[in-house]
């Protein structure tokens, strides 16, 4: 299969990244991060999550962040909304797109959100109905698609079943998440092939964590399988909560460098992105998780 001419990067640093960072971040710093990312040319930014701060303290103040960002034309600013209350809160601050999140592993679903996969999908029905009424797009996430911290191997047919449910509910795109980063290119291609039996490849996205150093290889494998949307996190924000000290989300800078080298257009400026990633790394007092940024900034 030929490589795509253009790839859409979904920047998840402000949400999926920050929620796994140890140091709290002020609303002002979150706003600056989102604005920096938009200035770098990213056209899809997951800004926050409308979930109880009791469960995800780092996502406190998401409404204030949405109120403070300088919204640019052509940029989608999305939010994760795990329940109807979260959707209503997002709607109240002008969010134009939301996301819902299910697991492909029963054990992970029980440990993470205290319910079965089936129950979690049922919880999304009111969100999907409300989104339809308001003409709002909904993106779906499936976690643990290439392994679970509790169950180990996850069967591709199980991933396909969950992804199919989200798609049939009305999610316009389903992001396949290697939550613990154990996937390899062969397993990635087999997974996509299994899911693509039910969902067009153009409606799938890849979300790879770099815990085992396989994220870029898995992205390349996904490109060969016809995917052209990938989630990533500036400066590699967000460690892996299931592997102490391990890297989590693949760094947007590293993905962009790969795509640039393949001649694939993204509309993102690498140098601006590197500056954005280093700024937020400095604020958090952490090392920059991007190898490309580290190499460029040390030169």
C-alpha atoms as a PDB file:
ATOM      1  CA  UNK A   1       0.000   0.000   0.000  1.00  0.00           C
ATOM      2  CA  UNK A   2       1.297   3.472  -0.859  1.00  0.00           C
ATOM      3  CA  UNK A   3       1.905   6.010   1.872  1.00  0.00           C
ATOM      4  CA  UNK A   4      -0.585   8.869   2.326  1.00  0.00           C
ATOM      5  CA  UNK A   5       0.311  12.326   1.045  1.00  0.00           C
ATOM      6  CA  UNK A   6      -1.026  13.976   4.188  1.00  0.00           C
ATOM      7  CA  UNK A   7      -1.394  12.935   7.827  1.00  0.00           C
ATOM      8  CA  UNK A   8      -3.501  14.569  10.516  1.00  0.00           C
ATOM      9  CA  UNK A   9      -1.807  14.731  13.904  1.00  0.00           C
ATOM     10  CA  UNK A  10      -4.094  14.744  16.928  1.00  0.00           C
ATOM     11  CA  UNK A  11      -2.233  16.499  19.743  1.00  0.00           C
ATOM     12  CA  UNK A  12      -3.192  14.889  23.065  1.00  0.00           C
ATOM     13  CA  UNK A  13      -0.509  16.444  25.283  1.00  0.00           C
ATOM     14  CA  UNK A  14      -2.791  18.915  27.091  1.00  0.00           C
ATOM     15  CA  UNK A  15      -5.142  16.069  28.085  1.00  0.00           C
ATOM     16  CA  UNK A  16      -3.704  12.553  27.890  1.00  0.00           C
ATOM     17  CA  UNK A  17      -0.204  13.873  28.510  1.00  0.00           C
ATOM     18  CA  UNK A  18      -0.788  16.225  31.405  1.00  0.00           C
ATOM     19  CA  UNK A  19      -3.150  13.902  33.253  1.00  0.00           C
ATOM     20  CA  UNK A  20      -0.208  11.536  33.824  1.00  0.00           C
ATOM     21  CA  UNK A  21       2.276  14.221  34.882  1.00  0.00           C
ATOM     22  CA  UNK A  22       3.076  14.441  38.590  1.00  0.00           C
ATOM     23  CA  UNK A  23       3.432  18.220  38.869  1.00  0.00           C
ATOM     24  CA  UNK A  24       0.198  20.266  38.759  1.00  0.00           C
ATOM     25  CA  UNK A  25      -0.014  22.921  36.074  1.00  0.00           C
ATOM     26  CA  UNK A  26      -1.772  26.271  36.350  1.00  0.00           C
ATOM     27  CA  UNK A  27      -4.658  27.196  34.060  1.00  0.00           C
ATOM     28  CA  UNK A  28      -2.461  29.941  32.584  1.00  0.00           C
ATOM     29  CA  UNK A  29       0.278  27.468  31.690  1.00  0.00           C
ATOM     30  CA  UNK A  30      -2.255  25.102  30.119  1.00  0.00           C
ATOM     31  CA  UNK A  31      -3.652  27.951  28.022  1.00  0.00           C
ATOM     32  CA  UNK A  32      -0.146  28.912  26.883  1.00  0.00           C
ATOM     33  CA  UNK A  33       0.552  25.308  25.916  1.00  0.00           C
ATOM     34  CA  UNK A  34      -2.608  25.025  23.801  1.00  0.00           C
ATOM     35  CA  UNK A  35      -1.956  28.374  22.110  1.00  0.00           C
ATOM     36  CA  UNK A  36       1.670  27.398  21.418  1.00  0.00           C
ATOM     37  CA  UNK A  37       0.522  24.147  19.810  1.00  0.00           C
ATOM     38  CA  UNK A  38      -1.991  25.935  17.592  1.00  0.00           C
ATOM     39  CA  UNK A  39       0.692  28.454  16.603  1.00  0.00           C
ATOM     40  CA  UNK A  40       2.926  25.544  15.561  1.00  0.00           C
ATOM     41  CA  UNK A  41       0.266  24.487  13.051  1.00  0.00           C
ATOM     42  CA  UNK A  42      -1.488  21.644  14.837  1.00  0.00           C
ATOM     43  CA  UNK A  43      -5.075  21.561  13.629  1.00  0.00           C
ATOM     44  CA  UNK A  44      -6.499  19.169  16.234  1.00  0.00           C
ATOM     45  CA  UNK A  45      -5.771  19.651  19.935  1.00  0.00           C
ATOM     46  CA  UNK A  46      -7.328  17.722  22.796  1.00  0.00           C
ATOM     47  CA  UNK A  47      -7.477  20.502  25.362  1.00  0.00           C
ATOM     48  CA  UNK A  48      -8.843  18.811  28.481  1.00  0.00           C
ATOM     49  CA  UNK A  49     -11.277  16.453  30.106  1.00  0.00           C
ATOM     50  CA  UNK A  50     -14.590  17.160  31.796  1.00  0.00           C
ATOM     51  CA  UNK A  51     -14.273  14.618  34.556  1.00  0.00           C
ATOM     52  CA  UNK A  52     -14.380  14.992  38.335  1.00  0.00           C
ATOM     53  CA  UNK A  53     -11.080  16.463  39.647  1.00  0.00           C
ATOM     54  CA  UNK A  54     -11.403  13.889  42.409  1.00  0.00           C
ATOM     55  CA  UNK A  55     -10.510  11.205  39.872  1.00  0.00           C
ATOM     56  CA  UNK A  56      -8.193  13.166  37.569  1.00  0.00           C
ATOM     57  CA  UNK A  57      -6.765  16.152  39.498  1.00  0.00           C
ATOM     58  CA  UNK A  58      -4.663  17.390  36.567  1.00  0.00           C
ATOM     59  CA  UNK A  59      -7.818  18.038  34.532  1.00  0.00           C
ATOM     60  CA  UNK A  60      -9.222  20.527  37.039  1.00  0.00           C
ATOM     61  CA  UNK A  61      -9.877  23.875  35.382  1.00  0.00           C
ATOM     62  CA  UNK A  62     -10.583  22.503  31.878  1.00  0.00           C
ATOM     63  CA  UNK A  63     -13.542  24.898  31.549  1.00  0.00           C
ATOM     64  CA  UNK A  64     -11.262  27.835  32.389  1.00  0.00           C
ATOM     65  CA  UNK A  65      -8.722  26.651  29.828  1.00  0.00           C
ATOM     66  CA  UNK A  66     -11.360  26.544  27.103  1.00  0.00           C
ATOM     67  CA  UNK A  67     -12.505  30.019  28.125  1.00  0.00           C
ATOM     68  CA  UNK A  68      -8.957  31.408  27.925  1.00  0.00           C
ATOM     69  CA  UNK A  69      -7.463  29.948  24.755  1.00  0.00           C
ATOM     70  CA  UNK A  70      -7.182  32.016  21.583  1.00  0.00           C
ATOM     71  CA  UNK A  71      -9.261  29.899  19.241  1.00  0.00           C
ATOM     72  CA  UNK A  72      -7.937  29.795  15.691  1.00  0.00           C
ATOM     73  CA  UNK A  73     -10.000  29.166  12.599  1.00  0.00           C
ATOM     74  CA  UNK A  74      -9.409  25.707  11.234  1.00  0.00           C
ATOM     75  CA  UNK A  75      -8.312  24.260  14.584  1.00  0.00           C
ATOM     76  CA  UNK A  76     -10.441  21.672  16.409  1.00  0.00           C
ATOM     77  CA  UNK A  77     -10.264  22.035  20.199  1.00  0.00           C
ATOM     78  CA  UNK A  78     -11.722  18.867  21.674  1.00  0.00           C
ATOM     79  CA  UNK A  79     -12.412  17.442  25.126  1.00  0.00           C
ATOM     80  CA  UNK A  80     -12.856  14.017  26.667  1.00  0.00           C
ATOM     81  CA  UNK A  81     -16.356  13.633  28.139  1.00  0.00           C
ATOM     82  CA  UNK A  82     -16.833  10.329  30.003  1.00  0.00           C
ATOM     83  CA  UNK A  83     -20.485  10.956  30.898  1.00  0.00           C
ATOM     84  CA  UNK A  84     -23.465  13.178  30.087  1.00  0.00           C
ATOM     85  CA  UNK A  85     -22.601  15.645  32.842  1.00  0.00           C
ATOM     86  CA  UNK A  86     -19.161  16.070  31.301  1.00  0.00           C
ATOM     87  CA  UNK A  87     -20.710  16.576  27.872  1.00  0.00           C
ATOM     88  CA  UNK A  88     -23.045  19.260  29.215  1.00  0.00           C
ATOM     89  CA  UNK A  89     -20.138  21.030  30.931  1.00  0.00           C
ATOM     90  CA  UNK A  90     -18.163  20.929  27.686  1.00  0.00           C
ATOM     91  CA  UNK A  91     -21.097  22.257  25.703  1.00  0.00           C
ATOM     92  CA  UNK A  92     -21.473  25.157  28.138  1.00  0.00           C
ATOM     93  CA  UNK A  93     -17.967  26.476  27.348  1.00  0.00           C
ATOM     94  CA  UNK A  94     -18.260  26.156  23.579  1.00  0.00           C
ATOM     95  CA  UNK A  95     -16.511  22.843  22.947  1.00  0.00           C
ATOM     96  CA  UNK A  96     -17.187  21.811  19.337  1.00  0.00           C
ATOM     97  CA  UNK A  97     -16.018  18.188  19.467  1.00  0.00           C
ATOM     98  CA  UNK A  98     -15.850  15.566  22.213  1.00  0.00           C
ATOM     99  CA  UNK A  99     -14.388  12.115  22.717  1.00  0.00           C
ATOM    100  CA  UNK A 100     -15.430   8.976  24.592  1.00  0.00           C
ATOM    101  CA  UNK A 101     -13.148   6.249  25.877  1.00  0.00           C
ATOM    102  CA  UNK A 102     -13.631   2.468  26.138  1.00  0.00           C
ATOM    103  CA  UNK A 103     -11.244  -0.393  26.842  1.00  0.00           C
ATOM    104  CA  UNK A 104     -10.677  -3.572  24.868  1.00  0.00           C
ATOM    105  CA  UNK A 105      -9.796  -5.381  28.108  1.00  0.00           C
ATOM    106  CA  UNK A 106     -12.429  -6.324  30.715  1.00  0.00           C
ATOM    107  CA  UNK A 107      -9.879  -6.195  33.539  1.00  0.00           C
ATOM    108  CA  UNK A 108      -8.692  -2.728  32.514  1.00  0.00           C
ATOM    109  CA  UNK A 109     -12.273  -1.468  32.221  1.00  0.00           C
ATOM    110  CA  UNK A 110     -13.091  -2.709  35.724  1.00  0.00           C
ATOM    111  CA  UNK A 111      -9.904  -1.279  37.264  1.00  0.00           C
ATOM    112  CA  UNK A 112     -10.024   2.019  35.373  1.00  0.00           C
ATOM    113  CA  UNK A 113     -13.723   2.960  35.389  1.00  0.00           C
ATOM    114  CA  UNK A 114     -15.280   0.331  37.667  1.00  0.00           C
ATOM    115  CA  UNK A 115     -17.575  -1.243  35.101  1.00  0.00           C
ATOM    116  CA  UNK A 116     -17.584  -3.797  32.310  1.00  0.00           C
ATOM    117  CA  UNK A 117     -16.901  -2.916  28.687  1.00  0.00           C
ATOM    118  CA  UNK A 118     -20.575  -3.380  27.890  1.00  0.00           C
ATOM    119  CA  UNK A 119     -21.635  -1.099  30.751  1.00  0.00           C
ATOM    120  CA  UNK A 120     -19.136   1.556  29.661  1.00  0.00           C
ATOM    121  CA  UNK A 121     -20.535   1.534  26.134  1.00  0.00           C
ATOM    122  CA  UNK A 122     -24.082   1.859  27.485  1.00  0.00           C
ATOM    123  CA  UNK A 123     -22.979   4.973  29.385  1.00  0.00           C
ATOM    124  CA  UNK A 124     -22.046   6.606  26.095  1.00  0.00           C
ATOM    125  CA  UNK A 125     -25.515   6.308  24.566  1.00  0.00           C
ATOM    126  CA  UNK A 126     -26.868   9.493  26.217  1.00  0.00           C
ATOM    127  CA  UNK A 127     -23.717  11.363  25.127  1.00  0.00           C
ATOM    128  CA  UNK A 128     -24.118  10.182  21.543  1.00  0.00           C
ATOM    129  CA  UNK A 129     -27.774  11.226  21.520  1.00  0.00           C
ATOM    130  CA  UNK A 130     -26.992  14.655  22.983  1.00  0.00           C
ATOM    131  CA  UNK A 131     -24.149  15.104  20.499  1.00  0.00           C
ATOM    132  CA  UNK A 132     -26.495  14.286  17.620  1.00  0.00           C
ATOM    133  CA  UNK A 133     -29.001  16.852  18.857  1.00  0.00           C
ATOM    134  CA  UNK A 134     -26.286  19.516  18.945  1.00  0.00           C
ATOM    135  CA  UNK A 135     -24.595  18.458  15.715  1.00  0.00           C
ATOM    136  CA  UNK A 136     -21.352  17.730  17.558  1.00  0.00           C
ATOM    137  CA  UNK A 137     -18.821  15.182  16.254  1.00  0.00           C
ATOM    138  CA  UNK A 138     -17.728  12.437  18.658  1.00  0.00           C
ATOM    139  CA  UNK A 139     -14.398  10.637  18.438  1.00  0.00           C
ATOM    140  CA  UNK A 140     -13.950   7.218  20.039  1.00  0.00           C
ATOM    141  CA  UNK A 141     -10.919   5.798  21.813  1.00  0.00           C
ATOM    142  CA  UNK A 142     -10.201   2.149  22.477  1.00  0.00           C
ATOM    143  CA  UNK A 143      -7.448   1.456  25.008  1.00  0.00           C
ATOM    144  CA  UNK A 144      -5.284  -1.647  25.532  1.00  0.00           C
ATOM    145  CA  UNK A 145      -5.529  -2.697  21.880  1.00  0.00           C
ATOM    146  CA  UNK A 146      -2.104  -4.379  21.856  1.00  0.00           C
ATOM    147  CA  UNK A 147      -1.848  -5.499  25.462  1.00  0.00           C
ATOM    148  CA  UNK A 148      -3.249  -4.960  28.945  1.00  0.00           C
ATOM    149  CA  UNK A 149      -1.337  -4.417  32.209  1.00  0.00           C
ATOM    150  CA  UNK A 150      -3.663  -6.923  33.935  1.00  0.00           C
ATOM    151  CA  UNK A 151      -4.646  -9.444  31.251  1.00  0.00           C
ATOM    152  CA  UNK A 152      -1.573  -9.389  29.014  1.00  0.00           C
ATOM    153  CA  UNK A 153      -2.549 -10.341  25.461  1.00  0.00           C
ATOM    154  CA  UNK A 154      -5.736  -8.819  24.058  1.00  0.00           C
ATOM    155  CA  UNK A 155      -7.290 -10.602  21.083  1.00  0.00           C
ATOM    156  CA  UNK A 156      -7.664  -8.476  17.927  1.00  0.00           C
ATOM    157  CA  UNK A 157     -11.252  -9.713  17.554  1.00  0.00           C
ATOM    158  CA  UNK A 158     -12.050  -8.245  20.978  1.00  0.00           C
ATOM    159  CA  UNK A 159     -10.596  -4.888  19.920  1.00  0.00           C
ATOM    160  CA  UNK A 160     -12.560  -5.069  16.689  1.00  0.00           C
ATOM    161  CA  UNK A 161     -15.801  -5.748  18.586  1.00  0.00           C
ATOM    162  CA  UNK A 162     -15.379  -2.695  20.843  1.00  0.00           C
ATOM    163  CA  UNK A 163     -14.281  -0.447  17.971  1.00  0.00           C
ATOM    164  CA  UNK A 164     -17.254  -1.621  15.910  1.00  0.00           C
ATOM    165  CA  UNK A 165     -19.643  -0.719  18.741  1.00  0.00           C
ATOM    166  CA  UNK A 166     -18.211   2.792  19.013  1.00  0.00           C
ATOM    167  CA  UNK A 167     -18.386   3.287  15.265  1.00  0.00           C
ATOM    168  CA  UNK A 168     -21.955   2.008  15.033  1.00  0.00           C
ATOM    169  CA  UNK A 169     -22.955   4.342  17.875  1.00  0.00           C
ATOM    170  CA  UNK A 170     -21.897   7.275  15.736  1.00  0.00           C
ATOM    171  CA  UNK A 171     -18.216   7.933  16.479  1.00  0.00           C
ATOM    172  CA  UNK A 172     -16.868   9.351  13.206  1.00  0.00           C
ATOM    173  CA  UNK A 173     -13.366   8.045  13.959  1.00  0.00           C
ATOM    174  CA  UNK A 174     -11.975   5.391  16.289  1.00  0.00           C
ATOM    175  CA  UNK A 175      -8.483   5.753  17.755  1.00  0.00           C
ATOM    176  CA  UNK A 176      -6.736   2.482  18.581  1.00  0.00           C
ATOM    177  CA  UNK A 177      -4.575   2.938  21.670  1.00  0.00           C
ATOM    178  CA  UNK A 178      -1.540   0.856  22.631  1.00  0.00           C
ATOM    179  CA  UNK A 179      -1.885   2.000  26.238  1.00  0.00           C
ATOM    180  CA  UNK A 180       1.128   0.165  27.655  1.00  0.00           C
ATOM    181  CA  UNK A 181       3.300   0.439  24.555  1.00  0.00           C
ATOM    182  CA  UNK A 182       4.000  -3.272  24.137  1.00  0.00           C
ATOM    183  CA  UNK A 183       2.830  -3.540  20.535  1.00  0.00           C
ATOM    184  CA  UNK A 184       5.172  -4.359  17.665  1.00  0.00           C
ATOM    185  CA  UNK A 185       4.765  -3.673  13.919  1.00  0.00           C
ATOM    186  CA  UNK A 186       3.602  -7.186  13.036  1.00  0.00           C
ATOM    187  CA  UNK A 187       0.967  -7.179  15.784  1.00  0.00           C
ATOM    188  CA  UNK A 188      -0.061  -3.654  14.774  1.00  0.00           C
ATOM    189  CA  UNK A 189      -0.649  -4.639  11.157  1.00  0.00           C
ATOM    190  CA  UNK A 190      -2.615  -7.735  12.197  1.00  0.00           C
ATOM    191  CA  UNK A 191      -4.739  -5.633  14.547  1.00  0.00           C
ATOM    192  CA  UNK A 192      -5.565  -3.033  11.907  1.00  0.00           C
ATOM    193  CA  UNK A 193      -6.436  -5.777   9.454  1.00  0.00           C
ATOM    194  CA  UNK A 194      -8.855  -7.294  12.001  1.00  0.00           C
ATOM    195  CA  UNK A 195     -10.538  -3.984  12.830  1.00  0.00           C
ATOM    196  CA  UNK A 196     -10.698  -2.918   9.180  1.00  0.00           C
ATOM    197  CA  UNK A 197     -13.027  -5.845   8.506  1.00  0.00           C
ATOM    198  CA  UNK A 198     -15.691  -3.732  10.241  1.00  0.00           C
ATOM    199  CA  UNK A 199     -14.514  -0.110  10.000  1.00  0.00           C
ATOM    200  CA  UNK A 200     -12.984   1.626   6.952  1.00  0.00           C
ATOM    201  CA  UNK A 201      -9.260   2.258   7.412  1.00  0.00           C
ATOM    202  CA  UNK A 202      -9.841   5.945   6.736  1.00  0.00           C
ATOM    203  CA  UNK A 203     -11.959   6.070   9.895  1.00  0.00           C
ATOM    204  CA  UNK A 204      -9.227   4.629  12.137  1.00  0.00           C
ATOM    205  CA  UNK A 205      -6.434   6.410  14.004  1.00  0.00           C
ATOM    206  CA  UNK A 206      -3.325   5.136  15.765  1.00  0.00           C
ATOM    207  CA  UNK A 207      -2.436   6.051  19.363  1.00  0.00           C
ATOM    208  CA  UNK A 208       0.911   4.555  20.316  1.00  0.00           C
ATOM    209  CA  UNK A 209       2.847   4.777  23.557  1.00  0.00           C
ATOM    210  CA  UNK A 210       6.620   4.422  23.424  1.00  0.00           C
ATOM    211  CA  UNK A 211       7.183   2.373  26.587  1.00  0.00           C
ATOM    212  CA  UNK A 212       9.117  -0.307  24.684  1.00  0.00           C
ATOM    213  CA  UNK A 213      10.501   2.033  22.026  1.00  0.00           C
ATOM    214  CA  UNK A 214       8.170   0.710  19.323  1.00  0.00           C
ATOM    215  CA  UNK A 215       5.867   3.694  18.720  1.00  0.00           C
ATOM    216  CA  UNK A 216       7.483   5.076  15.546  1.00  0.00           C
ATOM    217  CA  UNK A 217       7.855   1.594  14.063  1.00  0.00           C
ATOM    218  CA  UNK A 218       4.175   0.969  14.805  1.00  0.00           C
ATOM    219  CA  UNK A 219       3.203   4.270  13.198  1.00  0.00           C
ATOM    220  CA  UNK A 220       5.127   3.350  10.052  1.00  0.00           C
ATOM    221  CA  UNK A 221       3.426  -0.042  10.026  1.00  0.00           C
ATOM    222  CA  UNK A 222       0.062   1.735  10.378  1.00  0.00           C
ATOM    223  CA  UNK A 223       0.881   4.023   7.450  1.00  0.00           C
ATOM    224  CA  UNK A 224       1.487   0.923   5.349  1.00  0.00           C
ATOM    225  CA  UNK A 225      -1.939  -0.327   6.464  1.00  0.00           C
ATOM    226  CA  UNK A 226      -3.674   2.819   5.220  1.00  0.00           C
ATOM    227  CA  UNK A 227      -4.005   4.879   8.405  1.00  0.00           C
ATOM    228  CA  UNK A 228      -3.469   8.631   8.092  1.00  0.00           C
ATOM    229  CA  UNK A 229      -4.400   9.952  11.545  1.00  0.00           C
ATOM    230  CA  UNK A 230      -2.152   9.602  14.597  1.00  0.00           C
ATOM    231  CA  UNK A 231      -2.357  10.798  18.197  1.00  0.00           C
ATOM    232  CA  UNK A 232       0.804  12.133  19.824  1.00  0.00           C
ATOM    233  CA  UNK A 233       1.917  14.261  22.745  1.00  0.00           C
ATOM    234  CA  UNK A 234       4.300  17.230  22.547  1.00  0.00           C
ATOM    235  CA  UNK A 235       7.595  16.556  24.358  1.00  0.00           C
ATOM    236  CA  UNK A 236       6.291  13.069  25.105  1.00  0.00           C
ATOM    237  CA  UNK A 237       4.178  14.435  27.947  1.00  0.00           C
ATOM    238  CA  UNK A 238       2.697  11.753  30.157  1.00  0.00           C
ATOM    239  CA  UNK A 239       4.598   8.817  31.553  1.00  0.00           C
ATOM    240  CA  UNK A 240       3.218   5.304  31.548  1.00  0.00           C
ATOM    241  CA  UNK A 241       1.324   4.810  34.834  1.00  0.00           C
ATOM    242  CA  UNK A 242       1.651   1.019  34.487  1.00  0.00           C
ATOM    243  CA  UNK A 243       5.431   0.952  34.102  1.00  0.00           C
ATOM    244  CA  UNK A 244       7.225   3.101  36.646  1.00  0.00           C
ATOM    245  CA  UNK A 245       9.744   5.462  35.055  1.00  0.00           C
ATOM    246  CA  UNK A 246       8.788   4.418  31.527  1.00  0.00           C
ATOM    247  CA  UNK A 247       7.937   6.746  28.698  1.00  0.00           C
ATOM    248  CA  UNK A 248       4.307   7.105  27.751  1.00  0.00           C
ATOM    249  CA  UNK A 249       2.855   8.919  24.747  1.00  0.00           C
ATOM    250  CA  UNK A 250       5.027   9.118  21.664  1.00  0.00           C
ATOM    251  CA  UNK A 251       6.420  12.641  21.222  1.00  0.00           C
ATOM    252  CA  UNK A 252       4.752  14.718  18.517  1.00  0.00           C
ATOM    253  CA  UNK A 253       8.145  16.108  17.477  1.00  0.00           C
ATOM    254  CA  UNK A 254       9.462  12.600  16.806  1.00  0.00           C
ATOM    255  CA  UNK A 255       6.389  11.612  14.796  1.00  0.00           C
ATOM    256  CA  UNK A 256       6.631  14.834  12.799  1.00  0.00           C
ATOM    257  CA  UNK A 257      10.313  14.206  12.030  1.00  0.00           C
ATOM    258  CA  UNK A 258       9.424  10.733  10.742  1.00  0.00           C
ATOM    259  CA  UNK A 259       6.611  12.076   8.564  1.00  0.00           C
ATOM    260  CA  UNK A 260       8.737  14.921   7.234  1.00  0.00           C
ATOM    261  CA  UNK A 261      11.382  12.387   6.242  1.00  0.00           C
ATOM    262  CA  UNK A 262       8.768  10.400   4.353  1.00  0.00           C
ATOM    263  CA  UNK A 263       7.630  13.508   2.469  1.00  0.00           C
ATOM    264  CA  UNK A 264       4.212  13.423   4.160  1.00  0.00           C
ATOM    265  CA  UNK A 265       2.522  16.782   4.745  1.00  0.00           C
ATOM    266  CA  UNK A 266       1.100  17.685   8.179  1.00  0.00           C
ATOM    267  CA  UNK A 267       1.017  21.474   8.167  1.00  0.00           C
ATOM    268  CA  UNK A 268       3.040  21.545  11.404  1.00  0.00           C
ATOM    269  CA  UNK A 269       6.222  23.584  11.892  1.00  0.00           C
ATOM    270  CA  UNK A 270       8.847  21.424  13.612  1.00  0.00           C
ATOM    271  CA  UNK A 271      10.914  24.280  15.072  1.00  0.00           C
ATOM    272  CA  UNK A 272       7.883  25.975  16.623  1.00  0.00           C
ATOM    273  CA  UNK A 273       6.737  22.636  17.971  1.00  0.00           C
ATOM    274  CA  UNK A 274      10.134  22.007  19.558  1.00  0.00           C
ATOM    275  CA  UNK A 275       9.987  25.409  21.277  1.00  0.00           C
ATOM    276  CA  UNK A 276       6.488  24.670  22.585  1.00  0.00           C
ATOM    277  CA  UNK A 277       7.591  21.307  23.941  1.00  0.00           C
ATOM    278  CA  UNK A 278      10.684  22.692  25.630  1.00  0.00           C
ATOM    279  CA  UNK A 279       8.720  25.517  27.232  1.00  0.00           C
ATOM    280  CA  UNK A 280       6.198  23.166  28.832  1.00  0.00           C
ATOM    281  CA  UNK A 281       8.981  20.775  29.874  1.00  0.00           C
ATOM    282  CA  UNK A 282      10.720  23.663  31.655  1.00  0.00           C
ATOM    283  CA  UNK A 283       7.491  24.641  33.418  1.00  0.00           C
ATOM    284  CA  UNK A 284       6.983  21.063  34.585  1.00  0.00           C
ATOM    285  CA  UNK A 285      10.623  20.714  35.622  1.00  0.00           C
ATOM    286  CA  UNK A 286      11.009  17.543  33.584  1.00  0.00           C
ATOM    287  CA  UNK A 287      13.326  16.334  30.866  1.00  0.00           C
ATOM    288  CA  UNK A 288      12.015  16.776  27.339  1.00  0.00           C
ATOM    289  CA  UNK A 289      10.700  13.384  26.225  1.00  0.00           C
ATOM    290  CA  UNK A 290      11.309  14.045  22.524  1.00  0.00           C
ATOM    291  CA  UNK A 291      14.532  12.641  21.092  1.00  0.00           C
ATOM    292  CA  UNK A 292      14.310  15.014  18.127  1.00  0.00           C
ATOM    293  CA  UNK A 293      13.915  18.034  20.408  1.00  0.00           C
ATOM    294  CA  UNK A 294      16.765  16.889  22.634  1.00  0.00           C
ATOM    295  CA  UNK A 295      19.048  16.433  19.623  1.00  0.00           C
ATOM    296  CA  UNK A 296      18.112  19.794  18.060  1.00  0.00           C
ATOM    297  CA  UNK A 297      18.371  21.761  21.287  1.00  0.00           C
ATOM    298  CA  UNK A 298      21.742  20.277  22.248  1.00  0.00           C
ATOM    299  CA  UNK A 299      23.298  21.023  18.854  1.00  0.00           C
END
